[in-house]
Amino acid sequence: MKILVCMKQVPQKDAPLKLNENGSWIREDVSYEVNEPDAYALEEALRQKEKHGGEVVAITAGPARASQVLREALAKGADRAIHLEDPAFVTLDALNTARAVAAAVKGESFDLVFTGLQSDDYGFAQTGVILAELLGWPHATIIMHIEKNDAGIRVKRELEAGFFQFVQMPLPAVLTIQSGINKLRYATLIGIKQAKNKPLRKVTMAEVQAALGPNLQVLEKLYIPQKTKKTEKLEGPASEVAKKIVEKLRNQARVL
């Protein structure tokens, strides 16, 4: 099978959230890593390749530093990589990111596209399902298991409250992978050496600009919630205080 894995570089989980006066995220002086759900998507793609043969292609969008994500993917076993390289890709919303990815791989015939369930920085969980719509392919989310069969694939989806759903899907298809679907592997020394000689194609913003449009989702401002404390003392007979408490629980706290 030929599998495309969409990956993202995100600030490390313990990176400090620094904001400027305009409420924008200052990202220049933080450390970065592979988005965790995307790491599981890559691992599952490599396991499918080991079972059924084929090719795994990793793709990311972002500035030059984002190539580290692809180097790690190649070191772990991906066959080649595609880098949509431009700082402007970071400012795209999920729709335009999906459009850029679709334009970059136009003409290639993939059997599956994997994305992580969501990103660790914004967590919108939109890019994968929008990409499926743009490609005109079926999709399934929160995938915990994939089994190939004669009719396509059978996937296991995680639902709420400990329930799961099993779905039979035709190929090609787009799947968003849940963290924990498998155990992540480490890159071997020989894999790191081989990664240097594997193809890494760069795509500029100009090459995909025609497919993009204005952002339909814009973050106006980020802020750190302020901790506040407000105490109200209720006085009077116990019966009257009890009535006031019930009223506040019902109308203000809305827990009754």
C-alpha atoms as a PDB file:
ATOM      1  CA  MET A   1       0.000   0.000   0.000  1.00  0.00           C
ATOM      2  CA  LYS A   2       1.059   3.564  -0.647  1.00  0.00           C
ATOM      3  CA  ILE A   3       0.447   5.698   2.452  1.00  0.00           C
ATOM      4  CA  LEU A   4       0.784   9.446   2.969  1.00  0.00           C
ATOM      5  CA  VAL A   5       1.360  10.567   6.554  1.00  0.00           C
ATOM      6  CA  CYS A   6       0.630  14.208   7.407  1.00  0.00           C
ATOM      7  CA  MET A   7       2.852  15.432  10.226  1.00  0.00           C
ATOM      8  CA  LYS A   8       3.258  18.693  12.132  1.00  0.00           C
ATOM      9  CA  GLN A   9       6.002  20.259  14.190  1.00  0.00           C
ATOM     10  CA  VAL A  10       4.650  21.717  17.447  1.00  0.00           C
ATOM     11  CA  PRO A  11       6.163  23.357  20.541  1.00  0.00           C
ATOM     12  CA  GLN A  12       7.233  20.859  23.185  1.00  0.00           C
ATOM     13  CA  LYS A  13       4.621  20.093  25.817  1.00  0.00           C
ATOM     14  CA  ASP A  14       6.582  21.859  28.547  1.00  0.00           C
ATOM     15  CA  ALA A  15       7.369  24.911  26.399  1.00  0.00           C
ATOM     16  CA  PRO A  16       6.307  28.154  28.120  1.00  0.00           C
ATOM     17  CA  LEU A  17       3.331  29.995  26.661  1.00  0.00           C
ATOM     18  CA  LYS A  18       4.660  33.462  25.909  1.00  0.00           C
ATOM     19  CA  LEU A  19       2.370  36.101  24.447  1.00  0.00           C
ATOM     20  CA  ASN A  20       3.137  39.530  23.042  1.00  0.00           C
ATOM     21  CA  GLU A  21       1.072  42.659  23.594  1.00  0.00           C
ATOM     22  CA  ASN A  22      -1.219  41.794  20.685  1.00  0.00           C
ATOM     23  CA  GLY A  23      -2.089  38.403  22.155  1.00  0.00           C
ATOM     24  CA  SER A  24      -0.023  36.434  19.628  1.00  0.00           C
ATOM     25  CA  TRP A  25       1.979  33.346  20.513  1.00  0.00           C
ATOM     26  CA  ILE A  26       5.747  33.986  20.626  1.00  0.00           C
ATOM     27  CA  ARG A  27       7.253  30.817  19.139  1.00  0.00           C
ATOM     28  CA  GLU A  28      10.768  31.904  18.228  1.00  0.00           C
ATOM     29  CA  ASP A  29      12.514  30.917  21.476  1.00  0.00           C
ATOM     30  CA  VAL A  30      10.867  27.564  22.253  1.00  0.00           C
ATOM     31  CA  SER A  31      11.869  23.991  21.488  1.00  0.00           C
ATOM     32  CA  TYR A  32       9.902  21.911  19.006  1.00  0.00           C
ATOM     33  CA  GLU A  33       8.974  18.268  18.548  1.00  0.00           C
ATOM     34  CA  VAL A  34       6.807  15.995  16.416  1.00  0.00           C
ATOM     35  CA  ASN A  35       3.105  16.288  17.154  1.00  0.00           C
ATOM     36  CA  GLU A  36       2.394  13.196  19.269  1.00  0.00           C
ATOM     37  CA  PRO A  37      -0.716  11.896  17.420  1.00  0.00           C
ATOM     38  CA  ASP A  38       1.209  12.271  14.139  1.00  0.00           C
ATOM     39  CA  ALA A  39       4.017  10.122  15.539  1.00  0.00           C
ATOM     40  CA  TYR A  40       1.451   7.368  16.109  1.00  0.00           C
ATOM     41  CA  ALA A  41       0.095   7.884  12.590  1.00  0.00           C
ATOM     42  CA  LEU A  42       3.605   7.381  11.202  1.00  0.00           C
ATOM     43  CA  GLU A  43       4.137   4.275  13.324  1.00  0.00           C
ATOM     44  CA  GLU A  44       0.885   2.727  12.083  1.00  0.00           C
ATOM     45  CA  ALA A  45       1.801   3.521   8.473  1.00  0.00           C
ATOM     46  CA  LEU A  46       5.187   1.816   8.897  1.00  0.00           C
ATOM     47  CA  ARG A  47       3.508  -1.254  10.411  1.00  0.00           C
ATOM     48  CA  GLN A  48       1.047  -1.454   7.508  1.00  0.00           C
ATOM     49  CA  LYS A  49       3.963  -1.251   5.087  1.00  0.00           C
ATOM     50  CA  GLU A  50       5.767  -4.046   6.937  1.00  0.00           C
ATOM     51  CA  LYS A  51       2.652  -6.241   6.695  1.00  0.00           C
ATOM     52  CA  HIS A  52       1.560  -5.499   3.130  1.00  0.00           C
ATOM     53  CA  GLY A  53       4.518  -3.828   1.394  1.00  0.00           C
ATOM     54  CA  GLY A  54       4.347  -0.508  -0.391  1.00  0.00           C
ATOM     55  CA  GLU A  55       5.619   2.985   0.357  1.00  0.00           C
ATOM     56  CA  VAL A  56       5.294   5.488   3.197  1.00  0.00           C
ATOM     57  CA  VAL A  57       5.567   9.189   2.360  1.00  0.00           C
ATOM     58  CA  ALA A  58       5.746  11.825   5.111  1.00  0.00           C
ATOM     59  CA  ILE A  59       4.610  15.404   4.499  1.00  0.00           C
ATOM     60  CA  THR A  60       4.727  18.547   6.616  1.00  0.00           C
ATOM     61  CA  ALA A  61       4.186  22.283   6.182  1.00  0.00           C
ATOM     62  CA  GLY A  62       6.171  25.005   7.896  1.00  0.00           C
ATOM     63  CA  PRO A  63       9.496  26.863   8.007  1.00  0.00           C
ATOM     64  CA  ALA A  64      12.897  25.294   7.483  1.00  0.00           C
ATOM     65  CA  ARG A  65      13.037  24.003  11.081  1.00  0.00           C
ATOM     66  CA  ALA A  66      10.033  21.743  10.367  1.00  0.00           C
ATOM     67  CA  SER A  67      12.258  19.534   8.197  1.00  0.00           C
ATOM     68  CA  GLN A  68      13.397  17.879  11.448  1.00  0.00           C
ATOM     69  CA  VAL A  69       9.980  16.207  11.612  1.00  0.00           C
ATOM     70  CA  LEU A  70      10.582  14.680   8.188  1.00  0.00           C
ATOM     71  CA  ARG A  71      14.140  13.631   9.022  1.00  0.00           C
ATOM     72  CA  GLU A  72      12.827  11.721  12.023  1.00  0.00           C
ATOM     73  CA  ALA A  73      10.167  10.074   9.863  1.00  0.00           C
ATOM     74  CA  LEU A  74      12.762   9.039   7.275  1.00  0.00           C
ATOM     75  CA  ALA A  75      15.067   7.712  10.000  1.00  0.00           C
ATOM     76  CA  LYS A  76      12.260   5.543  11.367  1.00  0.00           C
ATOM     77  CA  GLY A  77      11.494   4.022   7.978  1.00  0.00           C
ATOM     78  CA  ALA A  78       9.531   6.393   5.736  1.00  0.00           C
ATOM     79  CA  ASP A  79      10.657   6.096   2.112  1.00  0.00           C
ATOM     80  CA  ARG A  80      10.549   9.753   1.118  1.00  0.00           C
ATOM     81  CA  ALA A  81       9.267  13.103   2.321  1.00  0.00           C
ATOM     82  CA  ILE A  82       7.616  16.302   1.094  1.00  0.00           C
ATOM     83  CA  HIS A  83       8.192  19.650   2.797  1.00  0.00           C
ATOM     84  CA  LEU A  84       5.880  22.570   2.093  1.00  0.00           C
ATOM     85  CA  GLU A  85       8.556  25.014   3.176  1.00  0.00           C
ATOM     86  CA  ASP A  86       7.595  28.566   4.068  1.00  0.00           C
ATOM     87  CA  PRO A  87       6.893  30.298   7.396  1.00  0.00           C
ATOM     88  CA  ALA A  88       3.570  31.439   5.889  1.00  0.00           C
ATOM     89  CA  PHE A  89       2.231  27.878   6.061  1.00  0.00           C
ATOM     90  CA  VAL A  90       2.091  28.210   9.848  1.00  0.00           C
ATOM     91  CA  THR A  91      -0.534  30.959   9.562  1.00  0.00           C
ATOM     92  CA  LEU A  92      -2.937  28.929   7.396  1.00  0.00           C
ATOM     93  CA  ASP A  93      -6.188  27.627   8.850  1.00  0.00           C
ATOM     94  CA  ALA A  94      -7.127  23.950   8.630  1.00  0.00           C
ATOM     95  CA  LEU A  95      -8.944  24.386   5.296  1.00  0.00           C
ATOM     96  CA  ASN A  96      -6.020  26.038   3.554  1.00  0.00           C
ATOM     97  CA  THR A  97      -3.529  23.628   5.106  1.00  0.00           C
ATOM     98  CA  ALA A  98      -5.549  20.754   3.664  1.00  0.00           C
ATOM     99  CA  ARG A  99      -5.731  22.534   0.322  1.00  0.00           C
ATOM    100  CA  ALA A 100      -1.960  22.985   0.311  1.00  0.00           C
ATOM    101  CA  VAL A 101      -1.342  19.311   1.093  1.00  0.00           C
ATOM    102  CA  ALA A 102      -3.807  18.190  -1.585  1.00  0.00           C
ATOM    103  CA  ALA A 103      -2.126  20.445  -4.158  1.00  0.00           C
ATOM    104  CA  ALA A 104       1.356  19.225  -3.207  1.00  0.00           C
ATOM    105  CA  VAL A 105       0.476  15.552  -3.774  1.00  0.00           C
ATOM    106  CA  LYS A 106      -1.743  16.066  -6.807  1.00  0.00           C
ATOM    107  CA  GLY A 107      -1.038  13.372  -9.379  1.00  0.00           C
ATOM    108  CA  GLU A 108       0.109  10.788  -6.833  1.00  0.00           C
ATOM    109  CA  SER A 109      -2.039   7.730  -6.180  1.00  0.00           C
ATOM    110  CA  PHE A 110      -2.194   6.970  -2.474  1.00  0.00           C
ATOM    111  CA  ASP A 111      -4.216   4.141  -0.970  1.00  0.00           C
ATOM    112  CA  LEU A 112      -4.378   5.744   2.464  1.00  0.00           C
ATOM    113  CA  VAL A 113      -3.745   9.112   4.055  1.00  0.00           C
ATOM    114  CA  PHE A 114      -3.018   9.155   7.785  1.00  0.00           C
ATOM    115  CA  THR A 115      -3.104  12.191  10.029  1.00  0.00           C
ATOM    116  CA  GLY A 116      -2.913  12.449  13.784  1.00  0.00           C
ATOM    117  CA  LEU A 117      -6.274  12.903  15.487  1.00  0.00           C
ATOM    118  CA  GLN A 118      -5.401  16.511  16.362  1.00  0.00           C
ATOM    119  CA  SER A 119      -2.448  18.788  16.949  1.00  0.00           C
ATOM    120  CA  ASP A 120      -0.989  19.352  20.394  1.00  0.00           C
ATOM    121  CA  ASP A 121      -0.793  23.127  19.934  1.00  0.00           C
ATOM    122  CA  TYR A 122      -4.242  24.129  18.622  1.00  0.00           C
ATOM    123  CA  GLY A 123      -6.142  20.841  18.747  1.00  0.00           C
ATOM    124  CA  PHE A 124      -8.737  21.717  16.101  1.00  0.00           C
ATOM    125  CA  ALA A 125      -8.862  18.130  14.694  1.00  0.00           C
ATOM    126  CA  GLN A 126     -10.025  19.473  11.335  1.00  0.00           C
ATOM    127  CA  THR A 127      -7.238  19.057   8.775  1.00  0.00           C
ATOM    128  CA  GLY A 128      -7.656  15.324   8.230  1.00  0.00           C
ATOM    129  CA  VAL A 129     -11.402  15.328   7.658  1.00  0.00           C
ATOM    130  CA  ILE A 130     -11.224  18.429   5.435  1.00  0.00           C
ATOM    131  CA  LEU A 131      -8.498  16.772   3.365  1.00  0.00           C
ATOM    132  CA  ALA A 132     -10.787  13.761   2.879  1.00  0.00           C
ATOM    133  CA  GLU A 133     -13.532  16.059   1.598  1.00  0.00           C
ATOM    134  CA  LEU A 134     -11.155  17.786  -0.818  1.00  0.00           C
ATOM    135  CA  LEU A 135      -9.950  14.433  -2.153  1.00  0.00           C
ATOM    136  CA  GLY A 136     -13.494  13.053  -2.317  1.00  0.00           C
ATOM    137  CA  TRP A 137     -12.491  10.033  -0.207  1.00  0.00           C
ATOM    138  CA  PRO A 138     -14.268   8.342   2.710  1.00  0.00           C
ATOM    139  CA  HIS A 139     -12.778   9.004   6.116  1.00  0.00           C
ATOM    140  CA  ALA A 140     -12.940   7.741   9.682  1.00  0.00           C
ATOM    141  CA  THR A 141     -11.654   9.351  12.873  1.00  0.00           C
ATOM    142  CA  ILE A 142     -10.150   8.258  16.213  1.00  0.00           C
ATOM    143  CA  ILE A 143      -8.737   5.040  14.745  1.00  0.00           C
ATOM    144  CA  MET A 144      -7.400   2.400  17.151  1.00  0.00           C
ATOM    145  CA  HIS A 145      -6.865  -0.536  14.760  1.00  0.00           C
ATOM    146  CA  ILE A 146      -6.611  -1.114  11.007  1.00  0.00           C
ATOM    147  CA  GLU A 147      -7.001  -4.439   9.245  1.00  0.00           C
ATOM    148  CA  LYS A 148      -6.658  -4.813   5.474  1.00  0.00           C
ATOM    149  CA  ASN A 149      -8.982  -7.239   3.682  1.00  0.00           C
ATOM    150  CA  ASP A 150     -10.201  -8.014   0.170  1.00  0.00           C
ATOM    151  CA  ALA A 151     -12.905  -5.324   0.337  1.00  0.00           C
ATOM    152  CA  GLY A 152     -10.574  -2.572   1.586  1.00  0.00           C
ATOM    153  CA  ILE A 153      -9.939  -2.030   5.277  1.00  0.00           C
ATOM    154  CA  ARG A 154     -11.773  -2.655   8.533  1.00  0.00           C
ATOM    155  CA  VAL A 155     -11.081  -0.061  11.221  1.00  0.00           C
ATOM    156  CA  LYS A 156     -11.788   0.197  14.915  1.00  0.00           C
ATOM    157  CA  ARG A 157     -12.914   3.625  16.143  1.00  0.00           C
ATOM    158  CA  GLU A 158     -12.818   4.778  19.743  1.00  0.00           C
ATOM    159  CA  LEU A 159     -16.105   6.233  20.940  1.00  0.00           C
ATOM    160  CA  GLU A 160     -17.112   7.665  24.316  1.00  0.00           C
ATOM    161  CA  ALA A 161     -17.593   5.810  27.591  1.00  0.00           C
ATOM    162  CA  GLY A 162     -15.401   2.876  26.600  1.00  0.00           C
ATOM    163  CA  PHE A 163     -17.349   1.943  23.471  1.00  0.00           C
ATOM    164  CA  PHE A 164     -15.833   1.153  20.065  1.00  0.00           C
ATOM    165  CA  GLN A 165     -17.160   1.054  16.516  1.00  0.00           C
ATOM    166  CA  PHE A 166     -15.990  -1.250  13.713  1.00  0.00           C
ATOM    167  CA  VAL A 167     -16.320   0.106  10.181  1.00  0.00           C
ATOM    168  CA  GLN A 168     -15.634  -1.491   6.796  1.00  0.00           C
ATOM    169  CA  MET A 169     -14.200   1.050   4.337  1.00  0.00           C
ATOM    170  CA  PRO A 170     -13.147   0.997   0.684  1.00  0.00           C
ATOM    171  CA  LEU A 171      -9.803   2.335  -0.514  1.00  0.00           C
ATOM    172  CA  PRO A 172      -8.559   5.000  -0.948  1.00  0.00           C
ATOM    173  CA  ALA A 173      -9.460   6.550   2.406  1.00  0.00           C
ATOM    174  CA  VAL A 174      -8.319   9.095   4.983  1.00  0.00           C
ATOM    175  CA  LEU A 175      -7.902   8.084   8.639  1.00  0.00           C
ATOM    176  CA  THR A 176      -7.137  10.215  11.697  1.00  0.00           C
ATOM    177  CA  ILE A 177      -5.124   8.152  14.159  1.00  0.00           C
ATOM    178  CA  GLN A 178      -5.580   8.129  17.932  1.00  0.00           C
ATOM    179  CA  SER A 179      -2.568   8.299  20.232  1.00  0.00           C
ATOM    180  CA  GLY A 180      -1.835   4.929  21.810  1.00  0.00           C
ATOM    181  CA  ILE A 181      -2.825   2.838  18.779  1.00  0.00           C
ATOM    182  CA  ASN A 182       0.576   1.156  19.028  1.00  0.00           C
ATOM    183  CA  LYS A 183       4.001   1.422  20.608  1.00  0.00           C
ATOM    184  CA  LEU A 184       6.321   3.959  19.025  1.00  0.00           C
ATOM    185  CA  ARG A 185       9.683   2.802  17.707  1.00  0.00           C
ATOM    186  CA  TYR A 186      12.995   4.587  18.015  1.00  0.00           C
ATOM    187  CA  ALA A 187      15.117   5.507  15.020  1.00  0.00           C
ATOM    188  CA  THR A 188      18.106   3.201  14.683  1.00  0.00           C
ATOM    189  CA  LEU A 189      21.619   4.411  13.962  1.00  0.00           C
ATOM    190  CA  ILE A 190      21.521   2.868  10.493  1.00  0.00           C
ATOM    191  CA  GLY A 191      18.106   4.425   9.917  1.00  0.00           C
ATOM    192  CA  ILE A 192      19.481   7.880  10.789  1.00  0.00           C
ATOM    193  CA  LYS A 193      22.336   7.377   8.328  1.00  0.00           C
ATOM    194  CA  GLN A 194      20.013   6.161   5.566  1.00  0.00           C
ATOM    195  CA  ALA A 195      17.664   9.119   6.090  1.00  0.00           C
ATOM    196  CA  LYS A 196      20.327  11.480   4.726  1.00  0.00           C
ATOM    197  CA  ASN A 197      20.117   9.798   1.302  1.00  0.00           C
ATOM    198  CA  LYS A 198      16.329   9.498   1.048  1.00  0.00           C
ATOM    199  CA  PRO A 199      14.393  11.893  -1.228  1.00  0.00           C
ATOM    200  CA  LEU A 200      12.999  15.053   0.383  1.00  0.00           C
ATOM    201  CA  ARG A 201      11.051  17.216  -2.055  1.00  0.00           C
ATOM    202  CA  LYS A 202      10.499  20.873  -1.194  1.00  0.00           C
ATOM    203  CA  VAL A 203       7.346  22.683  -2.271  1.00  0.00           C
ATOM    204  CA  THR A 204       7.176  26.474  -2.152  1.00  0.00           C
ATOM    205  CA  MET A 205       4.166  28.579  -1.273  1.00  0.00           C
ATOM    206  CA  ALA A 206       4.079  29.835  -4.871  1.00  0.00           C
ATOM    207  CA  GLU A 207       3.566  26.283  -6.162  1.00  0.00           C
ATOM    208  CA  VAL A 208       0.347  25.783  -4.186  1.00  0.00           C
ATOM    209  CA  GLN A 209      -0.854  29.399  -3.899  1.00  0.00           C
ATOM    210  CA  ALA A 210      -3.486  28.946  -6.607  1.00  0.00           C
ATOM    211  CA  ALA A 211      -5.261  26.321  -4.507  1.00  0.00           C
ATOM    212  CA  LEU A 212      -5.497  28.536  -1.430  1.00  0.00           C
ATOM    213  CA  GLY A 213      -8.058  31.103  -0.370  1.00  0.00           C
ATOM    214  CA  PRO A 214      -8.548  33.498   2.522  1.00  0.00           C
ATOM    215  CA  ASN A 215      -8.457  31.976   5.985  1.00  0.00           C
ATOM    216  CA  LEU A 216     -11.989  31.283   7.193  1.00  0.00           C
ATOM    217  CA  GLN A 217     -10.828  30.698  10.753  1.00  0.00           C
ATOM    218  CA  VAL A 218      -8.753  33.369  12.459  1.00  0.00           C
ATOM    219  CA  LEU A 219      -7.386  33.488  15.992  1.00  0.00           C
ATOM    220  CA  GLU A 220      -8.000  37.039  17.144  1.00  0.00           C
ATOM    221  CA  LYS A 221      -6.212  36.823  20.475  1.00  0.00           C
ATOM    222  CA  LEU A 222      -4.657  34.377  22.905  1.00  0.00           C
ATOM    223  CA  TYR A 223      -4.678  35.025  26.628  1.00  0.00           C
ATOM    224  CA  ILE A 224      -3.901  33.278  29.887  1.00  0.00           C
ATOM    225  CA  PRO A 225      -7.032  32.986  32.077  1.00  0.00           C
ATOM    226  CA  GLN A 226      -6.903  35.142  35.165  1.00  0.00           C
ATOM    227  CA  LYS A 227      -7.517  33.423  38.475  1.00  0.00           C
ATOM    228  CA  THR A 228     -10.115  35.294  40.508  1.00  0.00           C
ATOM    229  CA  LYS A 229     -11.833  34.626  43.799  1.00  0.00           C
ATOM    230  CA  LYS A 230     -15.234  35.954  44.843  1.00  0.00           C
ATOM    231  CA  THR A 231     -16.834  35.189  48.204  1.00  0.00           C
ATOM    232  CA  GLU A 232     -20.418  36.048  49.045  1.00  0.00           C
ATOM    233  CA  LYS A 233     -21.696  35.739  52.585  1.00  0.00           C
ATOM    234  CA  LEU A 234     -25.352  34.820  53.036  1.00  0.00           C
ATOM    235  CA  GLU A 235     -26.938  35.947  56.254  1.00  0.00           C
ATOM    236  CA  GLY A 236     -30.308  35.355  57.878  1.00  0.00           C
ATOM    237  CA  PRO A 237     -32.325  32.426  59.223  1.00  0.00           C
ATOM    238  CA  ALA A 238     -31.165  28.968  58.147  1.00  0.00           C
ATOM    239  CA  SER A 239     -34.334  28.339  56.112  1.00  0.00           C
ATOM    240  CA  GLU A 240     -33.885  31.591  54.153  1.00  0.00           C
ATOM    241  CA  VAL A 241     -30.168  30.934  53.570  1.00  0.00           C
ATOM    242  CA  ALA A 242     -30.987  27.438  52.294  1.00  0.00           C
ATOM    243  CA  LYS A 243     -33.486  28.877  49.793  1.00  0.00           C
ATOM    244  CA  LYS A 244     -30.908  31.396  48.555  1.00  0.00           C
ATOM    245  CA  ILE A 245     -28.293  28.658  48.136  1.00  0.00           C
ATOM    246  CA  VAL A 246     -30.700  26.512  46.109  1.00  0.00           C
ATOM    247  CA  GLU A 247     -31.613  29.492  43.947  1.00  0.00           C
ATOM    248  CA  LYS A 248     -27.976  30.300  43.241  1.00  0.00           C
ATOM    249  CA  LEU A 249     -27.165  26.668  42.469  1.00  0.00           C
ATOM    250  CA  ARG A 250     -30.102  26.541  40.057  1.00  0.00           C
ATOM    251  CA  ASN A 251     -29.840  29.919  38.332  1.00  0.00           C
ATOM    252  CA  GLN A 252     -26.161  30.879  38.588  1.00  0.00           C
ATOM    253  CA  ALA A 253     -24.145  27.673  38.891  1.00  0.00           C
ATOM    254  CA  ARG A 254     -26.795  25.736  36.911  1.00  0.00           C
ATOM    255  CA  VAL A 255     -26.027  22.467  38.659  1.00  0.00           C
ATOM    256  CA  LEU A 256     -29.629  21.753  39.678  1.00  0.00           C
END
